[in-house]
């Protein structure tokens, strides 16, 4: 049996994802404000570029730190739902043109428990 899941729909309905997004925004604003202050004081173009690069790297690390556990939980839940429904292959909805079993709502329900 083949199933599919709409990952974007799952993410948008998962409260932990929304919380993580808010945390990332708050961290981003704080780090951005700090970086902007340092950037505005700096006159050397290489150092300015370094400030921007450092900010981008730090934000990617923060995002990974917050999102990786959430994505892991979603993937584990998809696997559990698929197993209980006897589904052996699960694809992303964007890869399915016809057929398959949509388990999106089942995954969302399981995550909210």
PDB file of N, CA and C in Angstrom:
ATOM      1  N   UNK A   1       0.841  -1.197   0.000  1.00  0.00           N
ATOM      2  CA  UNK A   1       0.000   0.000   0.000  1.00  0.00           C
ATOM      3  C   UNK A   1       0.878   1.249   0.000  1.00  0.00           C
ATOM      4  N   UNK A   2       0.414   2.250  -0.725  1.00  0.00           N
ATOM      5  CA  UNK A   2       1.134   3.520  -0.791  1.00  0.00           C
ATOM      6  C   UNK A   2       0.267   4.606  -0.165  1.00  0.00           C
ATOM      7  N   UNK A   3       0.893   5.394   0.690  1.00  0.00           N
ATOM      8  CA  UNK A   3       0.199   6.520   1.298  1.00  0.00           C
ATOM      9  C   UNK A   3       0.942   7.801   1.002  1.00  0.00           C
ATOM     10  N   UNK A   4       0.269   8.906   1.295  1.00  0.00           N
ATOM     11  CA  UNK A   4       0.946  10.189   1.125  1.00  0.00           C
ATOM     12  C   UNK A   4       0.522  11.138   2.238  1.00  0.00           C
ATOM     13  N   UNK A   5       1.365  12.132   2.455  1.00  0.00           N
ATOM     14  CA  UNK A   5       1.108  13.109   3.508  1.00  0.00           C
ATOM     15  C   UNK A   5       1.462  14.497   2.982  1.00  0.00           C
ATOM     16  N   UNK A   6       0.651  15.466   3.352  1.00  0.00           N
ATOM     17  CA  UNK A   6       0.912  16.867   3.007  1.00  0.00           C
ATOM     18  C   UNK A   6       1.725  17.460   4.160  1.00  0.00           C
ATOM     19  N   UNK A   7       3.050  17.471   4.004  1.00  0.00           N
ATOM     20  CA  UNK A   7       3.935  17.911   5.090  1.00  0.00           C
ATOM     21  C   UNK A   7       3.670  19.356   5.509  1.00  0.00           C
ATOM     22  N   UNK A   8       3.373  20.218   4.549  1.00  0.00           N
ATOM     23  CA  UNK A   8       3.112  21.625   4.883  1.00  0.00           C
ATOM     24  C   UNK A   8       1.856  21.754   5.740  1.00  0.00           C
ATOM     25  N   UNK A   9       0.824  20.993   5.408  1.00  0.00           N
ATOM     26  CA  UNK A   9      -0.410  21.025   6.197  1.00  0.00           C
ATOM     27  C   UNK A   9      -0.143  20.516   7.611  1.00  0.00           C
ATOM     28  N   UNK A  10       0.662  19.467   7.714  1.00  0.00           N
ATOM     29  CA  UNK A  10       1.008  18.925   9.032  1.00  0.00           C
ATOM     30  C   UNK A  10       1.747  19.984   9.847  1.00  0.00           C
ATOM     31  N   UNK A  11       2.759  20.602   9.250  1.00  0.00           N
ATOM     32  CA  UNK A  11       3.539  21.624   9.958  1.00  0.00           C
ATOM     33  C   UNK A  11       2.655  22.781  10.415  1.00  0.00           C
ATOM     34  N   UNK A  12       1.795  23.255   9.538  1.00  0.00           N
ATOM     35  CA  UNK A  12       0.963  24.414   9.857  1.00  0.00           C
ATOM     36  C   UNK A  12      -0.038  24.132  10.970  1.00  0.00           C
ATOM     37  N   UNK A  13      -0.393  22.860  11.148  1.00  0.00           N
ATOM     38  CA  UNK A  13      -1.367  22.511  12.179  1.00  0.00           C
ATOM     39  C   UNK A  13      -0.724  21.974  13.456  1.00  0.00           C
ATOM     40  N   UNK A  14       0.598  21.922  13.481  1.00  0.00           N
ATOM     41  CA  UNK A  14       1.314  21.369  14.630  1.00  0.00           C
ATOM     42  C   UNK A  14       1.730  22.515  15.555  1.00  0.00           C
ATOM     43  N   UNK A  15       1.147  22.589  16.755  1.00  0.00           N
ATOM     44  CA  UNK A  15       1.445  23.707  17.662  1.00  0.00           C
ATOM     45  C   UNK A  15       2.936  23.887  17.971  1.00  0.00           C
ATOM     46  N   UNK A  16       3.681  22.799  18.096  1.00  0.00           N
ATOM     47  CA  UNK A  16       5.120  22.918  18.397  1.00  0.00           C
ATOM     48  C   UNK A  16       5.857  23.646  17.272  1.00  0.00           C
ATOM     49  N   UNK A  17       5.408  23.446  16.033  1.00  0.00           N
ATOM     50  CA  UNK A  17       6.029  24.122  14.896  1.00  0.00           C
ATOM     51  C   UNK A  17       5.775  25.626  14.980  1.00  0.00           C
ATOM     52  N   UNK A  18       4.542  25.989  15.297  1.00  0.00           N
ATOM     53  CA  UNK A  18       4.202  27.415  15.415  1.00  0.00           C
ATOM     54  C   UNK A  18       5.012  28.070  16.535  1.00  0.00           C
ATOM     55  N   UNK A  19       5.152  27.371  17.655  1.00  0.00           N
ATOM     56  CA  UNK A  19       5.942  27.898  18.773  1.00  0.00           C
ATOM     57  C   UNK A  19       7.397  28.079  18.368  1.00  0.00           C
ATOM     58  N   UNK A  20       7.936  27.102  17.664  1.00  0.00           N
ATOM     59  CA  UNK A  20       9.334  27.184  17.222  1.00  0.00           C
ATOM     60  C   UNK A  20       9.525  28.346  16.257  1.00  0.00           C
ATOM     61  N   UNK A  21       8.563  28.550  15.368  1.00  0.00           N
ATOM     62  CA  UNK A  21       8.649  29.679  14.434  1.00  0.00           C
ATOM     63  C   UNK A  21       8.687  31.004  15.194  1.00  0.00           C
ATOM     64  N   UNK A  22       7.848  31.125  16.207  1.00  0.00           N
ATOM     65  CA  UNK A  22       7.821  32.355  17.010  1.00  0.00           C
ATOM     66  C   UNK A  22       9.147  32.552  17.736  1.00  0.00           C
ATOM     67  N   UNK A  23       9.705  31.470  18.263  1.00  0.00           N
ATOM     68  CA  UNK A  23      10.997  31.556  18.943  1.00  0.00           C
ATOM     69  C   UNK A  23      12.091  31.985  17.968  1.00  0.00           C
ATOM     70  N   UNK A  24      12.078  31.412  16.777  1.00  0.00           N
ATOM     71  CA  UNK A  24      13.080  31.752  15.769  1.00  0.00           C
ATOM     72  C   UNK A  24      12.965  33.223  15.387  1.00  0.00           C
ATOM     73  N   UNK A  25      11.733  33.701  15.225  1.00  0.00           N
ATOM     74  CA  UNK A  25      11.534  35.118  14.894  1.00  0.00           C
ATOM     75  C   UNK A  25      12.083  36.020  15.991  1.00  0.00           C
ATOM     76  N   UNK A  26      11.795  35.670  17.252  1.00  0.00           N
ATOM     77  CA  UNK A  26      12.263  36.483  18.378  1.00  0.00           C
ATOM     78  C   UNK A  26      13.790  36.474  18.460  1.00  0.00           C
ATOM     79  N   UNK A  27      14.377  35.300  18.319  1.00  0.00           N
ATOM     80  CA  UNK A  27      15.839  35.186  18.348  1.00  0.00           C
ATOM     81  C   UNK A  27      16.435  35.963  17.182  1.00  0.00           C
ATOM     82  N   UNK A  28      15.817  35.824  16.014  1.00  0.00           N
ATOM     83  CA  UNK A  28      16.294  36.515  14.819  1.00  0.00           C
ATOM     84  C   UNK A  28      16.276  38.016  14.978  1.00  0.00           C
ATOM     85  N   UNK A  29      15.200  38.539  15.558  1.00  0.00           N
ATOM     86  CA  UNK A  29      15.104  39.984  15.754  1.00  0.00           C
ATOM     87  C   UNK A  29      16.195  40.466  16.703  1.00  0.00           C
ATOM     88  N   UNK A  30      16.378  39.727  17.794  1.00  0.00           N
ATOM     89  CA  UNK A  30      17.394  40.108  18.780  1.00  0.00           C
ATOM     90  C   UNK A  30      18.794  40.078  18.162  1.00  0.00           C
ATOM     91  N   UNK A  31      19.106  38.976  17.482  1.00  0.00           N
ATOM     92  CA  UNK A  31      20.432  38.851  16.861  1.00  0.00           C
ATOM     93  C   UNK A  31      20.615  39.873  15.741  1.00  0.00           C
ATOM     94  N   UNK A  32      19.553  40.125  15.006  1.00  0.00           N
ATOM     95  CA  UNK A  32      19.616  41.083  13.905  1.00  0.00           C
ATOM     96  C   UNK A  32      19.871  42.497  14.423  1.00  0.00           C
ATOM     97  N   UNK A  33      19.190  42.846  15.513  1.00  0.00           N
ATOM     98  CA  UNK A  33      19.401  44.171  16.111  1.00  0.00           C
ATOM     99  C   UNK A  33      20.845  44.332  16.581  1.00  0.00           C
ATOM    100  N   UNK A  34      21.366  43.296  17.226  1.00  0.00           N
ATOM    101  CA  UNK A  34      22.751  43.321  17.699  1.00  0.00           C
ATOM    102  C   UNK A  34      23.721  43.426  16.524  1.00  0.00           C
ATOM    103  N   UNK A  35      23.467  42.628  15.488  1.00  0.00           N
ATOM    104  CA  UNK A  35      24.343  42.641  14.309  1.00  0.00           C
ATOM    105  C   UNK A  35      24.270  43.982  13.589  1.00  0.00           C
ATOM    106  N   UNK A  36      23.075  44.565  13.528  1.00  0.00           N
ATOM    107  CA  UNK A  36      22.913  45.853  12.843  1.00  0.00           C
ATOM    108  C   UNK A  36      23.712  46.941  13.547  1.00  0.00           C
ATOM    109  N   UNK A  37      23.675  46.922  14.872  1.00  0.00           N
ATOM    110  CA  UNK A  37      24.441  47.908  15.639  1.00  0.00           C
ATOM    111  C   UNK A  37      25.936  47.772  15.338  1.00  0.00           C
ATOM    112  N   UNK A  38      26.432  46.545  15.325  1.00  0.00           N
ATOM    113  CA  UNK A  38      27.852  46.305  15.025  1.00  0.00           C
ATOM    114  C   UNK A  38      28.154  46.669  13.571  1.00  0.00           C
ATOM    115  N   UNK A  39      27.239  46.348  12.683  1.00  0.00           N
ATOM    116  CA  UNK A  39      27.404  46.625  11.251  1.00  0.00           C
ATOM    117  C   UNK A  39      27.486  48.129  10.996  1.00  0.00           C
ATOM    118  N   UNK A  40      26.594  48.882  11.637  1.00  0.00           N
ATOM    119  CA  UNK A  40      26.551  50.339  11.435  1.00  0.00           C
ATOM    120  C   UNK A  40      27.809  51.032  11.949  1.00  0.00           C
ATOM    121  N   UNK A  41      28.421  50.472  12.987  1.00  0.00           N
ATOM    122  CA  UNK A  41      29.647  51.061  13.551  1.00  0.00           C
ATOM    123  C   UNK A  41      30.873  50.744  12.695  1.00  0.00           C
ATOM    124  N   UNK A  42      30.789  49.656  11.950  1.00  0.00           N
ATOM    125  CA  UNK A  42      31.944  49.164  11.192  1.00  0.00           C
ATOM    126  C   UNK A  42      32.116  49.920   9.873  1.00  0.00           C
ATOM    127  N   UNK A  43      33.372  50.172   9.515  1.00  0.00           N
ATOM    128  CA  UNK A  43      33.663  50.836   8.239  1.00  0.00           C
ATOM    129  C   UNK A  43      34.323  49.884   7.244  1.00  0.00           C
ATOM    130  N   UNK A  44      34.975  48.868   7.741  1.00  0.00           N
ATOM    131  CA  UNK A  44      35.662  47.900   6.880  1.00  0.00           C
ATOM    132  C   UNK A  44      34.623  46.968   6.228  1.00  0.00           C
ATOM    133  N   UNK A  45      34.615  46.930   4.903  1.00  0.00           N
ATOM    134  CA  UNK A  45      33.631  46.123   4.164  1.00  0.00           C
ATOM    135  C   UNK A  45      33.768  44.627   4.452  1.00  0.00           C
ATOM    136  N   UNK A  46      34.997  44.155   4.620  1.00  0.00           N
ATOM    137  CA  UNK A  46      35.200  42.732   4.919  1.00  0.00           C
ATOM    138  C   UNK A  46      34.597  42.383   6.279  1.00  0.00           C
ATOM    139  N   UNK A  47      34.787  43.280   7.241  1.00  0.00           N
ATOM    140  CA  UNK A  47      34.232  43.031   8.577  1.00  0.00           C
ATOM    141  C   UNK A  47      32.708  43.101   8.543  1.00  0.00           C
ATOM    142  N   UNK A  48      32.159  44.001   7.723  1.00  0.00           N
ATOM    143  CA  UNK A  48      30.700  44.080   7.574  1.00  0.00           C
ATOM    144  C   UNK A  48      30.158  42.771   6.988  1.00  0.00           C
ATOM    145  N   UNK A  49      30.847  42.276   5.966  1.00  0.00           N
ATOM    146  CA  UNK A  49      30.436  41.014   5.345  1.00  0.00           C
ATOM    147  C   UNK A  49      30.519  39.871   6.351  1.00  0.00           C
ATOM    148  N   UNK A  50      31.544  39.902   7.197  1.00  0.00           N
ATOM    149  CA  UNK A  50      31.718  38.878   8.221  1.00  0.00           C
ATOM    150  C   UNK A  50      30.578  38.926   9.241  1.00  0.00           C
ATOM    151  N   UNK A  51      30.135  40.124   9.594  1.00  0.00           N
ATOM    152  CA  UNK A  51      29.022  40.277  10.540  1.00  0.00           C
ATOM    153  C   UNK A  51      27.763  39.633   9.956  1.00  0.00           C
ATOM    154  N   UNK A  52      27.495  39.919   8.688  1.00  0.00           N
ATOM    155  CA  UNK A  52      26.316  39.359   8.022  1.00  0.00           C
ATOM    156  C   UNK A  52      26.418  37.835   7.943  1.00  0.00           C
ATOM    157  N   UNK A  53      27.586  37.345   7.565  1.00  0.00           N
ATOM    158  CA  UNK A  53      27.802  35.905   7.436  1.00  0.00           C
ATOM    159  C   UNK A  53      27.627  35.205   8.790  1.00  0.00           C
ATOM    160  N   UNK A  54      28.152  35.811   9.834  1.00  0.00           N
ATOM    161  CA  UNK A  54      28.027  35.239  11.177  1.00  0.00           C
ATOM    162  C   UNK A  54      26.565  35.185  11.603  1.00  0.00           C
ATOM    163  N   UNK A  55      25.826  36.255  11.332  1.00  0.00           N
ATOM    164  CA  UNK A  55      24.401  36.293  11.673  1.00  0.00           C
ATOM    165  C   UNK A  55      23.650  35.177  10.947  1.00  0.00           C
ATOM    166  N   UNK A  56      23.909  35.017   9.667  1.00  0.00           N
ATOM    167  CA  UNK A  56      23.236  33.972   8.889  1.00  0.00           C
ATOM    168  C   UNK A  56      23.557  32.582   9.432  1.00  0.00           C
ATOM    169  N   UNK A  57      24.809  32.351   9.762  1.00  0.00           N
ATOM    170  CA  UNK A  57      25.223  31.063  10.306  1.00  0.00           C
ATOM    171  C   UNK A  57      24.544  30.795  11.650  1.00  0.00           C
ATOM    172  N   UNK A  58      24.546  31.787  12.524  1.00  0.00           N
ATOM    173  CA  UNK A  58      23.920  31.623  13.841  1.00  0.00           C
ATOM    174  C   UNK A  58      22.425  31.347  13.709  1.00  0.00           C
ATOM    175  N   UNK A  59      21.772  32.014  12.767  1.00  0.00           N
ATOM    176  CA  UNK A  59      20.337  31.800  12.585  1.00  0.00           C
ATOM    177  C   UNK A  59      20.047  30.400  12.037  1.00  0.00           C
ATOM    178  N   UNK A  60      20.888  29.925  11.129  1.00  0.00           N
ATOM    179  CA  UNK A  60      20.710  28.556  10.618  1.00  0.00           C
ATOM    180  C   UNK A  60      20.876  27.539  11.751  1.00  0.00           C
ATOM    181  N   UNK A  61      21.851  27.781  12.627  1.00  0.00           N
ATOM    182  CA  UNK A  61      22.079  26.875  13.759  1.00  0.00           C
ATOM    183  C   UNK A  61      20.891  26.890  14.715  1.00  0.00           C
ATOM    184  N   UNK A  62      20.373  28.080  15.010  1.00  0.00           N
ATOM    185  CA  UNK A  62      19.211  28.192  15.902  1.00  0.00           C
ATOM    186  C   UNK A  62      18.002  27.478  15.299  1.00  0.00           C
ATOM    187  N   UNK A  63      17.798  27.699  14.007  1.00  0.00           N
ATOM    188  CA  UNK A  63      16.660  27.070  13.332  1.00  0.00           C
ATOM    189  C   UNK A  63      16.786  25.550  13.366  1.00  0.00           C
ATOM    190  N   UNK A  64      17.971  25.045  13.099  1.00  0.00           N
ATOM    191  CA  UNK A  64      18.190  23.592  13.145  1.00  0.00           C
ATOM    192  C   UNK A  64      17.943  23.043  14.542  1.00  0.00           C
ATOM    193  N   UNK A  65      18.455  23.747  15.538  1.00  0.00           N
ATOM    194  CA  UNK A  65      18.320  23.306  16.927  1.00  0.00           C
ATOM    195  C   UNK A  65      16.843  23.200  17.322  1.00  0.00           C
ATOM    196  N   UNK A  66      16.031  24.143  16.860  1.00  0.00           N
ATOM    197  CA  UNK A  66      14.614  24.135  17.214  1.00  0.00           C
ATOM    198  C   UNK A  66      13.785  23.219  16.313  1.00  0.00           C
ATOM    199  N   UNK A  67      14.115  23.155  15.045  1.00  0.00           N
ATOM    200  CA  UNK A  67      13.279  22.419  14.089  1.00  0.00           C
ATOM    201  C   UNK A  67      13.596  20.930  13.988  1.00  0.00           C
ATOM    202  N   UNK A  68      14.847  20.548  14.162  1.00  0.00           N
ATOM    203  CA  UNK A  68      15.197  19.134  14.001  1.00  0.00           C
ATOM    204  C   UNK A  68      14.392  18.197  14.904  1.00  0.00           C
ATOM    205  N   UNK A  69      14.219  18.505  16.194  1.00  0.00           N
ATOM    206  CA  UNK A  69      13.400  17.613  17.028  1.00  0.00           C
ATOM    207  C   UNK A  69      11.938  17.557  16.565  1.00  0.00           C
ATOM    208  N   UNK A  70      11.428  18.674  16.060  1.00  0.00           N
ATOM    209  CA  UNK A  70      10.046  18.718  15.579  1.00  0.00           C
ATOM    210  C   UNK A  70       9.899  17.859  14.327  1.00  0.00           C
ATOM    211  N   UNK A  71      10.826  18.006  13.399  1.00  0.00           N
ATOM    212  CA  UNK A  71      10.777  17.212  12.169  1.00  0.00           C
ATOM    213  C   UNK A  71      10.944  15.725  12.472  1.00  0.00           C
ATOM    214  N   UNK A  72      11.788  15.416  13.456  1.00  0.00           N
ATOM    215  CA  UNK A  72      11.974  14.017  13.862  1.00  0.00           C
ATOM    216  C   UNK A  72      10.666  13.453  14.420  1.00  0.00           C
ATOM    217  N   UNK A  73       9.999  14.240  15.259  1.00  0.00           N
ATOM    218  CA  UNK A  73       8.727  13.795  15.835  1.00  0.00           C
ATOM    219  C   UNK A  73       7.678  13.578  14.741  1.00  0.00           C
ATOM    220  N   UNK A  74       7.637  14.478  13.773  1.00  0.00           N
ATOM    221  CA  UNK A  74       6.686  14.336  12.665  1.00  0.00           C
ATOM    222  C   UNK A  74       6.993  13.074  11.864  1.00  0.00           C
ATOM    223  N   UNK A  75       8.250  12.857  11.537  1.00  0.00           N
ATOM    224  CA  UNK A  75       8.627  11.664  10.759  1.00  0.00           C
ATOM    225  C   UNK A  75       8.301  10.375  11.503  1.00  0.00           C
ATOM    226  N   UNK A  76       8.550  10.365  12.811  1.00  0.00           N
ATOM    227  CA  UNK A  76       8.230   9.178  13.613  1.00  0.00           C
ATOM    228  C   UNK A  76       6.726   8.943  13.649  1.00  0.00           C
ATOM    229  N   UNK A  77       5.959  10.023  13.735  1.00  0.00           N
ATOM    230  CA  UNK A  77       4.501   9.911  13.761  1.00  0.00           C
ATOM    231  C   UNK A  77       3.975   9.417  12.418  1.00  0.00           C
ATOM    232  N   UNK A  78       4.535   9.923  11.332  1.00  0.00           N
ATOM    233  CA  UNK A  78       4.146   9.445   9.999  1.00  0.00           C
ATOM    234  C   UNK A  78       4.388   7.934   9.909  1.00  0.00           C
ATOM    235  N   UNK A  79       5.535   7.483  10.393  1.00  0.00           N
ATOM    236  CA  UNK A  79       5.866   6.052  10.350  1.00  0.00           C
ATOM    237  C   UNK A  79       4.870   5.233  11.174  1.00  0.00           C
ATOM    238  N   UNK A  80       4.516   5.730  12.370  1.00  0.00           N
ATOM    239  CA  UNK A  80       3.561   5.009  13.226  1.00  0.00           C
ATOM    240  C   UNK A  80       2.190   4.920  12.573  1.00  0.00           C
ATOM    241  N   UNK A  81       1.718   6.043  12.042  1.00  0.00           N
ATOM    242  CA  UNK A  81       0.403   6.059  11.392  1.00  0.00           C
ATOM    243  C   UNK A  81       0.405   5.110  10.197  1.00  0.00           C
ATOM    244  N   UNK A  82       1.452   5.169   9.406  1.00  0.00           N
ATOM    245  CA  UNK A  82       1.546   4.293   8.233  1.00  0.00           C
ATOM    246  C   UNK A  82       1.517   2.825   8.651  1.00  0.00           C
ATOM    247  N   UNK A  83       2.261   2.512   9.697  1.00  0.00           N
ATOM    248  CA  UNK A  83       2.327   1.123  10.161  1.00  0.00           C
ATOM    249  C   UNK A  83       0.951   0.634  10.614  1.00  0.00           C
ATOM    250  N   UNK A  84       0.229   1.474  11.369  1.00  0.00           N
ATOM    251  CA  UNK A  84      -1.090   1.050  11.853  1.00  0.00           C
ATOM    252  C   UNK A  84      -2.093   0.894  10.708  1.00  0.00           C
ATOM    253  N   UNK A  85      -1.883   1.589   9.611  1.00  0.00           N
ATOM    254  CA  UNK A  85      -2.781   1.493   8.456  1.00  0.00           C
ATOM    255  C   UNK A  85      -2.296   0.482   7.417  1.00  0.00           C
ATOM    256  N   UNK A  86      -1.182  -0.192   7.709  1.00  0.00           N
ATOM    257  CA  UNK A  86      -0.661  -1.185   6.784  1.00  0.00           C
ATOM    258  C   UNK A  86      -0.041  -0.590   5.529  1.00  0.00           C
ATOM    259  N   UNK A  87       0.416   0.653   5.640  1.00  0.00           N
ATOM    260  CA  UNK A  87       1.032   1.340   4.503  1.00  0.00           C
ATOM    261  C   UNK A  87       2.535   1.091   4.550  1.00  0.00           C
ATOM    262  N   UNK A  88       3.095   0.673   3.426  1.00  0.00           N
ATOM    263  CA  UNK A  88       4.522   0.351   3.393  1.00  0.00           C
ATOM    264  C   UNK A  88       5.375   1.468   2.806  1.00  0.00           C
ATOM    265  N   UNK A  89       4.767   2.344   2.019  1.00  0.00           N
ATOM    266  CA  UNK A  89       5.494   3.469   1.424  1.00  0.00           C
ATOM    267  C   UNK A  89       4.679   4.737   1.638  1.00  0.00           C
ATOM    268  N   UNK A  90       5.344   5.794   2.135  1.00  0.00           N
ATOM    269  CA  UNK A  90       4.684   7.092   2.301  1.00  0.00           C
ATOM    270  C   UNK A  90       5.460   8.130   1.504  1.00  0.00           C
ATOM    271  N   UNK A  91       4.742   8.836   0.653  1.00  0.00           N
ATOM    272  CA  UNK A  91       5.334   9.880  -0.180  1.00  0.00           C
ATOM    273  C   UNK A  91       4.812  11.248   0.241  1.00  0.00           C
ATOM    274  N   UNK A  92       5.535  12.273  -0.159  1.00  0.00           N
ATOM    275  CA  UNK A  92       5.051  13.632   0.022  1.00  0.00           C
ATOM    276  C   UNK A  92       3.923  13.849  -0.983  1.00  0.00           C
ATOM    277  N   UNK A  93       2.899  14.574  -0.582  1.00  0.00           N
ATOM    278  CA  UNK A  93       1.726  14.798  -1.431  1.00  0.00           C
ATOM    279  C   UNK A  93       2.108  15.334  -2.815  1.00  0.00           C
ATOM    280  N   UNK A  94       3.126  16.170  -2.882  1.00  0.00           N
ATOM    281  CA  UNK A  94       3.541  16.759  -4.148  1.00  0.00           C
ATOM    282  C   UNK A  94       4.042  15.751  -5.171  1.00  0.00           C
ATOM    283  N   UNK A  95       4.367  14.550  -4.723  1.00  0.00           N
ATOM    284  CA  UNK A  95       4.870  13.520  -5.632  1.00  0.00           C
ATOM    285  C   UNK A  95       3.769  12.604  -6.156  1.00  0.00           C
ATOM    286  N   UNK A  96       2.540  12.771  -5.639  1.00  0.00           N
ATOM    287  CA  UNK A  96       1.448  11.869  -5.994  1.00  0.00           C
ATOM    288  C   UNK A  96       0.447  12.594  -6.892  1.00  0.00           C
ATOM    289  N   UNK A  97       0.233  12.029  -8.068  1.00  0.00           N
ATOM    290  CA  UNK A  97      -0.751  12.602  -8.992  1.00  0.00           C
ATOM    291  C   UNK A  97      -2.089  11.890  -8.899  1.00  0.00           C
ATOM    292  N   UNK A  98      -2.042  10.623  -8.565  1.00  0.00           N
ATOM    293  CA  UNK A  98      -3.273   9.847  -8.528  1.00  0.00           C
ATOM    294  C   UNK A  98      -3.089   8.672  -7.576  1.00  0.00           C
ATOM    295  N   UNK A  99      -4.142   8.368  -6.851  1.00  0.00           N
ATOM    296  CA  UNK A  99      -4.156   7.192  -5.994  1.00  0.00           C
ATOM    297  C   UNK A  99      -3.443   7.415  -4.671  1.00  0.00           C
ATOM    298  N   UNK A 100      -3.281   6.348  -3.961  1.00  0.00           N
ATOM    299  CA  UNK A 100      -2.645   6.419  -2.653  1.00  0.00           C
ATOM    300  C   UNK A 100      -3.640   6.785  -1.568  1.00  0.00           C
ATOM    301  N   UNK A 101      -3.219   6.624  -0.345  1.00  0.00           N
ATOM    302  CA  UNK A 101      -4.063   6.900   0.816  1.00  0.00           C
ATOM    303  C   UNK A 101      -3.520   8.135   1.520  1.00  0.00           C
ATOM    304  N   UNK A 102      -4.367   9.138   1.668  1.00  0.00           N
ATOM    305  CA  UNK A 102      -3.961  10.382   2.330  1.00  0.00           C
ATOM    306  C   UNK A 102      -4.014  10.181   3.843  1.00  0.00           C
ATOM    307  N   UNK A 103      -2.865  10.254   4.500  1.00  0.00           N
ATOM    308  CA  UNK A 103      -2.817  10.068   5.956  1.00  0.00           C
ATOM    309  C   UNK A 103      -2.544  11.384   6.691  1.00  0.00           C
ATOM    310  N   UNK A 104      -2.654  12.499   5.988  1.00  0.00           N
ATOM    311  CA  UNK A 104      -2.345  13.805   6.578  1.00  0.00           C
ATOM    312  C   UNK A 104      -3.138  14.055   7.854  1.00  0.00           C
ATOM    313  N   UNK A 105      -4.465  13.906   7.784  1.00  0.00           N
ATOM    314  CA  UNK A 105      -5.299  14.188   8.962  1.00  0.00           C
ATOM    315  C   UNK A 105      -4.995  13.247  10.117  1.00  0.00           C
ATOM    316  N   UNK A 106      -4.690  11.998   9.801  1.00  0.00           N
ATOM    317  CA  UNK A 106      -4.340  11.031  10.850  1.00  0.00           C
ATOM    318  C   UNK A 106      -3.043  11.435  11.553  1.00  0.00           C
ATOM    319  N   UNK A 107      -2.090  11.930  10.778  1.00  0.00           N
ATOM    320  CA  UNK A 107      -0.809  12.368  11.349  1.00  0.00           C
ATOM    321  C   UNK A 107      -1.027  13.590  12.236  1.00  0.00           C
ATOM    322  N   UNK A 108      -1.814  14.553  11.752  1.00  0.00           N
ATOM    323  CA  UNK A 108      -2.102  15.764  12.542  1.00  0.00           C
ATOM    324  C   UNK A 108      -2.782  15.384  13.851  1.00  0.00           C
ATOM    325  N   UNK A 109      -3.761  14.503  13.781  1.00  0.00           N
ATOM    326  CA  UNK A 109      -4.475  14.058  14.984  1.00  0.00           C
ATOM    327  C   UNK A 109      -3.517  13.384  15.964  1.00  0.00           C
ATOM    328  N   UNK A 110      -2.661  12.519  15.467  1.00  0.00           N
ATOM    329  CA  UNK A 110      -1.702  11.814  16.330  1.00  0.00           C
ATOM    330  C   UNK A 110      -0.718  12.783  16.980  1.00  0.00           C
ATOM    331  N   UNK A 111      -0.300  13.803  16.254  1.00  0.00           N
ATOM    332  CA  UNK A 111       0.655  14.773  16.806  1.00  0.00           C
ATOM    333  C   UNK A 111       0.025  15.634  17.896  1.00  0.00           C
ATOM    334  N   UNK A 112      -1.260  15.860  17.806  1.00  0.00           N
ATOM    335  CA  UNK A 112      -1.938  16.724  18.785  1.00  0.00           C
ATOM    336  C   UNK A 112      -2.258  15.991  20.078  1.00  0.00           C
ATOM    337  N   UNK A 113      -2.025  14.681  20.104  1.00  0.00           N
ATOM    338  CA  UNK A 113      -2.291  13.908  21.331  1.00  0.00           C
ATOM    339  C   UNK A 113      -1.219  14.150  22.355  1.00  0.00           C
TER     340      UNK A 113
END
